Amino acid sequence: VQLQAFGGGLMQPGGSLRLSCAASAFRLPDYFLGWFRQAPGKEREGFLCISPWGGRTYYADSVKGRFTISRDKDKNTLYLQMNSLKPEDTAVYYCAADVALKPYGSSCSVYEHEYDFWGQGTVVTVSS
């Protein structure tokens, strides 16, 4: 099982960027998926997740209204659309998958310990 996150780069404040997370050896849409980030000098934090049932999502307040999580089942890829970027969005961004069996309808989580597989991280820098 392997996850690969890519699409990071240097952006100006107010800009947009889309990150992708591709998977091998398992189908992403079948599992809980999350986006995490680690800003310089800070601990890694989860801020977005999506459940395998009905696409239920959770957005942290810091990204609500600006970021969107989505999946492409045909491409087996998870996306993070980031709009209205701010300097405080500067971080290494990680995608992760939680493959544990859970009761139908369970909500997704942004807690690291829930996740089993991680992408290698992609750097997003927001600066003028």
C-alpha atoms as a PDB file:
ATOM      1  CA  VAL A   1       0.000   0.000   0.000  1.00  0.00           C
ATOM      2  CA  GLN A   2       1.430   3.323  -1.016  1.00  0.00           C
ATOM      3  CA  LEU A   3       0.170   6.880  -1.025  1.00  0.00           C
ATOM      4  CA  GLN A   4       1.813   9.669  -2.927  1.00  0.00           C
ATOM      5  CA  ALA A   5       0.944  13.302  -2.431  1.00  0.00           C
ATOM      6  CA  PHE A   6       1.997  15.877  -4.977  1.00  0.00           C
ATOM      7  CA  GLY A   7       1.134  19.276  -6.350  1.00  0.00           C
ATOM      8  CA  GLY A   8       2.751  21.567  -3.785  1.00  0.00           C
ATOM      9  CA  GLY A   9       4.548  24.739  -4.675  1.00  0.00           C
ATOM     10  CA  LEU A  10       5.092  28.418  -4.018  1.00  0.00           C
ATOM     11  CA  MET A  11       1.943  30.523  -4.190  1.00  0.00           C
ATOM     12  CA  GLN A  12       1.077  34.131  -3.503  1.00  0.00           C
ATOM     13  CA  PRO A  13      -1.518  34.975  -0.869  1.00  0.00           C
ATOM     14  CA  GLY A  14      -4.993  34.750  -2.293  1.00  0.00           C
ATOM     15  CA  GLY A  15      -3.973  32.161  -4.850  1.00  0.00           C
ATOM     16  CA  SER A  16      -5.269  28.656  -5.444  1.00  0.00           C
ATOM     17  CA  LEU A  17      -3.597  25.293  -5.578  1.00  0.00           C
ATOM     18  CA  ARG A  18      -4.781  21.723  -5.927  1.00  0.00           C
ATOM     19  CA  LEU A  19      -2.988  18.876  -4.236  1.00  0.00           C
ATOM     20  CA  SER A  20      -3.416  15.288  -5.338  1.00  0.00           C
ATOM     21  CA  CYS A  21      -2.943  12.027  -3.503  1.00  0.00           C
ATOM     22  CA  ALA A  22      -2.666   8.874  -5.570  1.00  0.00           C
ATOM     23  CA  ALA A  23      -2.866   5.370  -4.163  1.00  0.00           C
ATOM     24  CA  SER A  24      -1.539   2.010  -5.205  1.00  0.00           C
ATOM     25  CA  ALA A  25      -2.690  -1.422  -4.041  1.00  0.00           C
ATOM     26  CA  PHE A  26      -6.033  -0.252  -2.634  1.00  0.00           C
ATOM     27  CA  ARG A  27      -9.043   1.792  -3.641  1.00  0.00           C
ATOM     28  CA  LEU A  28      -9.033   5.175  -1.961  1.00  0.00           C
ATOM     29  CA  PRO A  29     -12.811   5.742  -2.050  1.00  0.00           C
ATOM     30  CA  ASP A  30     -13.367   2.623   0.074  1.00  0.00           C
ATOM     31  CA  TYR A  31     -11.643   4.102   3.114  1.00  0.00           C
ATOM     32  CA  PHE A  32     -11.545   7.084   5.417  1.00  0.00           C
ATOM     33  CA  LEU A  33      -9.157   9.657   4.007  1.00  0.00           C
ATOM     34  CA  GLY A  34      -7.612  12.705   5.570  1.00  0.00           C
ATOM     35  CA  TRP A  35      -5.412  15.668   4.862  1.00  0.00           C
ATOM     36  CA  PHE A  36      -2.906  16.785   7.440  1.00  0.00           C
ATOM     37  CA  ARG A  37      -0.320  19.524   7.497  1.00  0.00           C
ATOM     38  CA  GLN A  38       2.721  20.479   9.489  1.00  0.00           C
ATOM     39  CA  ALA A  39       3.688  24.124   9.583  1.00  0.00           C
ATOM     40  CA  PRO A  40       7.276  25.129  10.368  1.00  0.00           C
ATOM     41  CA  GLY A  41       7.956  24.706  14.072  1.00  0.00           C
ATOM     42  CA  LYS A  42       4.547  23.199  14.781  1.00  0.00           C
ATOM     43  CA  GLU A  43       3.088  19.759  15.237  1.00  0.00           C
ATOM     44  CA  ARG A  44       1.265  18.031  12.432  1.00  0.00           C
ATOM     45  CA  GLU A  45      -2.473  18.673  12.493  1.00  0.00           C
ATOM     46  CA  GLY A  46      -5.410  17.145  10.706  1.00  0.00           C
ATOM     47  CA  PHE A  47      -7.799  19.568   9.101  1.00  0.00           C
ATOM     48  CA  LEU A  48      -9.901  17.698   6.562  1.00  0.00           C
ATOM     49  CA  CYS A  49     -11.303  14.233   6.177  1.00  0.00           C
ATOM     50  CA  ILE A  50     -13.855  12.320   4.155  1.00  0.00           C
ATOM     51  CA  SER A  51     -15.712   9.135   4.908  1.00  0.00           C
ATOM     52  CA  PRO A  52     -16.273   6.299   2.435  1.00  0.00           C
ATOM     53  CA  TRP A  53     -20.031   6.494   2.876  1.00  0.00           C
ATOM     54  CA  GLY A  54     -21.789   9.288   1.112  1.00  0.00           C
ATOM     55  CA  GLY A  55     -18.687  11.438   1.121  1.00  0.00           C
ATOM     56  CA  ARG A  56     -19.349  12.877   4.564  1.00  0.00           C
ATOM     57  CA  THR A  57     -16.637  15.388   5.391  1.00  0.00           C
ATOM     58  CA  TYR A  58     -15.150  17.330   8.242  1.00  0.00           C
ATOM     59  CA  TYR A  59     -13.440  20.686   7.845  1.00  0.00           C
ATOM     60  CA  ALA A  60     -11.465  22.451  10.527  1.00  0.00           C
ATOM     61  CA  ASP A  61     -12.469  26.071  11.065  1.00  0.00           C
ATOM     62  CA  SER A  62      -9.090  27.234   9.768  1.00  0.00           C
ATOM     63  CA  VAL A  63      -9.862  25.982   6.260  1.00  0.00           C
ATOM     64  CA  LYS A  64     -13.643  25.987   6.150  1.00  0.00           C
ATOM     65  CA  GLY A  65     -14.918  27.884   3.127  1.00  0.00           C
ATOM     66  CA  ARG A  66     -11.496  27.901   1.465  1.00  0.00           C
ATOM     67  CA  PHE A  67     -10.445  24.265   1.087  1.00  0.00           C
ATOM     68  CA  THR A  68     -12.373  21.385  -0.464  1.00  0.00           C
ATOM     69  CA  ILE A  69     -11.692  17.672  -0.286  1.00  0.00           C
ATOM     70  CA  SER A  70     -12.834  15.399  -3.097  1.00  0.00           C
ATOM     71  CA  ARG A  71     -12.201  12.017  -4.652  1.00  0.00           C
ATOM     72  CA  ASP A  72     -12.044  10.674  -8.197  1.00  0.00           C
ATOM     73  CA  LYS A  73     -13.007   7.031  -8.109  1.00  0.00           C
ATOM     74  CA  ASP A  74     -11.879   6.365 -11.675  1.00  0.00           C
ATOM     75  CA  LYS A  75      -8.445   7.846 -11.090  1.00  0.00           C
ATOM     76  CA  ASN A  76      -8.236   6.482  -7.547  1.00  0.00           C
ATOM     77  CA  THR A  77      -7.078   9.879  -6.406  1.00  0.00           C
ATOM     78  CA  LEU A  78      -7.847  12.176  -3.499  1.00  0.00           C
ATOM     79  CA  TYR A  79      -7.750  15.926  -4.038  1.00  0.00           C
ATOM     80  CA  LEU A  80      -7.381  18.988  -1.894  1.00  0.00           C
ATOM     81  CA  GLN A  81      -8.484  22.195  -3.571  1.00  0.00           C
ATOM     82  CA  MET A  82      -7.073  25.167  -1.726  1.00  0.00           C
ATOM     83  CA  ASN A  83      -8.401  28.642  -2.475  1.00  0.00           C
ATOM     84  CA  SER A  84      -7.752  32.023  -0.914  1.00  0.00           C
ATOM     85  CA  LEU A  85      -4.410  30.825   0.372  1.00  0.00           C
ATOM     86  CA  LYS A  86      -2.894  32.589   3.352  1.00  0.00           C
ATOM     87  CA  PRO A  87       0.712  32.693   4.588  1.00  0.00           C
ATOM     88  CA  GLU A  88      -0.408  30.617   7.576  1.00  0.00           C
ATOM     89  CA  ASP A  89      -1.281  27.804   5.160  1.00  0.00           C
ATOM     90  CA  THR A  90       2.437  27.302   4.583  1.00  0.00           C
ATOM     91  CA  ALA A  91       3.183  23.735   5.596  1.00  0.00           C
ATOM     92  CA  VAL A  92       4.078  20.254   4.473  1.00  0.00           C
ATOM     93  CA  TYR A  93       0.816  18.613   3.448  1.00  0.00           C
ATOM     94  CA  TYR A  94       0.152  14.928   3.918  1.00  0.00           C
ATOM     95  CA  CYS A  95      -2.613  12.629   2.807  1.00  0.00           C
ATOM     96  CA  ALA A  96      -3.492   9.588   4.855  1.00  0.00           C
ATOM     97  CA  ALA A  97      -5.784   6.591   4.800  1.00  0.00           C
ATOM     98  CA  ASP A  98      -7.583   4.842   7.642  1.00  0.00           C
ATOM     99  CA  VAL A  99      -8.268   1.279   6.571  1.00  0.00           C
ATOM    100  CA  ALA A 100      -9.732  -0.026   9.825  1.00  0.00           C
ATOM    101  CA  LEU A 101     -13.176  -1.598   9.693  1.00  0.00           C
ATOM    102  CA  LYS A 102     -15.731   0.685  11.295  1.00  0.00           C
ATOM    103  CA  PRO A 103     -19.503   0.657  11.725  1.00  0.00           C
ATOM    104  CA  TYR A 104     -21.420   1.911   8.736  1.00  0.00           C
ATOM    105  CA  GLY A 105     -22.029   5.630   9.010  1.00  0.00           C
ATOM    106  CA  SER A 106     -19.043   6.369  11.238  1.00  0.00           C
ATOM    107  CA  SER A 107     -17.675   9.857  10.933  1.00  0.00           C
ATOM    108  CA  CYS A 108     -14.181  10.496   9.655  1.00  0.00           C
ATOM    109  CA  SER A 109     -11.463  11.674  11.999  1.00  0.00           C
ATOM    110  CA  VAL A 110      -8.617  14.158  11.882  1.00  0.00           C
ATOM    111  CA  TYR A 111      -6.634  12.413  14.615  1.00  0.00           C
ATOM    112  CA  GLU A 112      -3.334  11.006  13.432  1.00  0.00           C
ATOM    113  CA  HIS A 113      -3.548   7.792  15.401  1.00  0.00           C
ATOM    114  CA  GLU A 114      -6.610   6.766  13.410  1.00  0.00           C
ATOM    115  CA  TYR A 115      -4.641   6.598  10.183  1.00  0.00           C
ATOM    116  CA  ASP A 116      -2.639   3.662   8.918  1.00  0.00           C
ATOM    117  CA  PHE A 117      -0.996   4.790   5.702  1.00  0.00           C
ATOM    118  CA  TRP A 118       0.610   8.110   4.868  1.00  0.00           C
ATOM    119  CA  GLY A 119       1.866   9.879   1.797  1.00  0.00           C
ATOM    120  CA  GLN A 120       5.344  11.377   1.831  1.00  0.00           C
ATOM    121  CA  GLY A 121       4.217  14.997   2.048  1.00  0.00           C
ATOM    122  CA  THR A 122       4.301  17.874  -0.377  1.00  0.00           C
ATOM    123  CA  VAL A 123       5.413  21.401   0.496  1.00  0.00           C
ATOM    124  CA  VAL A 124       3.116  24.375   0.097  1.00  0.00           C
ATOM    125  CA  THR A 125       4.580  27.816   0.626  1.00  0.00           C
ATOM    126  CA  VAL A 126       2.374  30.890   0.586  1.00  0.00           C
ATOM    127  CA  SER A 127       4.362  34.070   0.388  1.00  0.00           C
ATOM    128  CA  SER A 128       4.434  37.339  -1.478  1.00  0.00           C
END
